[in-house]
Amino acid sequence: MPEYPSDQLGRFQIRLPTDWRDTIKALAAKNRRSMNAEILAALEGHVQPHQREDQTAA
């Protein structure tokens, strides 16, 4: 049994430009969430419209 809910999630490493870390950290603090949550929010904003397109095309 997983100890934490995050143990059930896939892990993915990504290389980012050096200055992006500071930008993401600042955005996360401004939005009162973790850097991981900030990155997920940005990805969701990009990916979800494409998922809807795929669902309507099917």
C-alpha atoms as a PDB file:
ATOM      1  CA  MET A   1       0.000   0.000   0.000  1.00  0.00           C
ATOM      2  CA  PRO A   2       1.449   3.408  -0.923  1.00  0.00           C
ATOM      3  CA  GLU A   3       2.510   5.567   1.995  1.00  0.00           C
ATOM      4  CA  TYR A   4       1.652   8.842   0.245  1.00  0.00           C
ATOM      5  CA  PRO A   5      -0.817   9.669  -2.559  1.00  0.00           C
ATOM      6  CA  SER A   6       2.103  10.906  -4.667  1.00  0.00           C
ATOM      7  CA  ASP A   7       3.548   7.391  -4.571  1.00  0.00           C
ATOM      8  CA  GLN A   8       0.792   6.422  -7.023  1.00  0.00           C
ATOM      9  CA  LEU A   9       1.826   9.061  -9.582  1.00  0.00           C
ATOM     10  CA  GLY A  10       4.325   8.650 -12.372  1.00  0.00           C
ATOM     11  CA  ARG A  11       7.599  10.523 -12.096  1.00  0.00           C
ATOM     12  CA  PHE A  12       9.084  12.417 -14.983  1.00  0.00           C
ATOM     13  CA  GLN A  13      12.334  14.341 -15.131  1.00  0.00           C
ATOM     14  CA  ILE A  14      12.591  17.334 -17.394  1.00  0.00           C
ATOM     15  CA  ARG A  15      15.420  19.702 -18.255  1.00  0.00           C
ATOM     16  CA  LEU A  16      14.539  23.379 -18.069  1.00  0.00           C
ATOM     17  CA  PRO A  17      16.514  26.511 -18.796  1.00  0.00           C
ATOM     18  CA  THR A  18      18.325  27.607 -15.645  1.00  0.00           C
ATOM     19  CA  ASP A  19      16.420  30.868 -15.221  1.00  0.00           C
ATOM     20  CA  TRP A  20      13.042  29.106 -15.449  1.00  0.00           C
ATOM     21  CA  ARG A  21      13.481  27.607 -11.982  1.00  0.00           C
ATOM     22  CA  ASP A  22      13.484  31.036 -10.362  1.00  0.00           C
ATOM     23  CA  THR A  23      10.515  32.129 -12.469  1.00  0.00           C
ATOM     24  CA  ILE A  24       8.509  29.019 -11.612  1.00  0.00           C
ATOM     25  CA  LYS A  25       9.408  29.371  -7.951  1.00  0.00           C
ATOM     26  CA  ALA A  26       8.197  32.993  -7.919  1.00  0.00           C
ATOM     27  CA  LEU A  27       4.971  32.114  -9.742  1.00  0.00           C
ATOM     28  CA  ALA A  28       4.338  29.242  -7.349  1.00  0.00           C
ATOM     29  CA  ALA A  29       4.805  31.508  -4.333  1.00  0.00           C
ATOM     30  CA  LYS A  30       2.505  34.142  -5.864  1.00  0.00           C
ATOM     31  CA  ASN A  31      -0.168  31.498  -6.510  1.00  0.00           C
ATOM     32  CA  ARG A  32       0.393  29.853  -3.112  1.00  0.00           C
ATOM     33  CA  ARG A  33       1.245  26.421  -4.461  1.00  0.00           C
ATOM     34  CA  SER A  34       4.259  24.183  -4.877  1.00  0.00           C
ATOM     35  CA  MET A  35       6.546  24.379  -7.878  1.00  0.00           C
ATOM     36  CA  ASN A  36       5.215  20.985  -8.956  1.00  0.00           C
ATOM     37  CA  ALA A  37       1.618  22.241  -8.781  1.00  0.00           C
ATOM     38  CA  GLU A  38       2.608  25.364 -10.730  1.00  0.00           C
ATOM     39  CA  ILE A  39       4.160  23.268 -13.500  1.00  0.00           C
ATOM     40  CA  LEU A  40       1.110  20.983 -13.586  1.00  0.00           C
ATOM     41  CA  ALA A  41      -1.220  23.994 -13.846  1.00  0.00           C
ATOM     42  CA  ALA A  42       0.770  25.306 -16.803  1.00  0.00           C
ATOM     43  CA  LEU A  43       0.777  21.910 -18.504  1.00  0.00           C
ATOM     44  CA  GLU A  44      -2.946  21.405 -17.879  1.00  0.00           C
ATOM     45  CA  GLY A  45      -3.657  24.763 -19.487  1.00  0.00           C
ATOM     46  CA  HIS A  46      -1.852  23.589 -22.583  1.00  0.00           C
ATOM     47  CA  VAL A  47      -2.862  19.927 -22.712  1.00  0.00           C
ATOM     48  CA  GLN A  48      -6.563  20.024 -21.764  1.00  0.00           C
ATOM     49  CA  PRO A  49      -7.738  21.902 -24.892  1.00  0.00           C
ATOM     50  CA  HIS A  50      -6.011  19.250 -26.997  1.00  0.00           C
ATOM     51  CA  GLN A  51      -7.651  16.463 -25.020  1.00  0.00           C
ATOM     52  CA  ARG A  52     -11.064  18.026 -25.701  1.00  0.00           C
ATOM     53  CA  GLU A  53     -10.232  18.254 -29.419  1.00  0.00           C
ATOM     54  CA  ASP A  54      -9.285  14.583 -29.443  1.00  0.00           C
ATOM     55  CA  GLN A  55     -12.509  13.601 -27.657  1.00  0.00           C
ATOM     56  CA  THR A  56     -14.757  15.521 -30.036  1.00  0.00           C
ATOM     57  CA  ALA A  57     -12.935  14.137 -33.073  1.00  0.00           C
ATOM     58  CA  ALA A  58     -13.431  10.532 -31.930  1.00  0.00           C
END
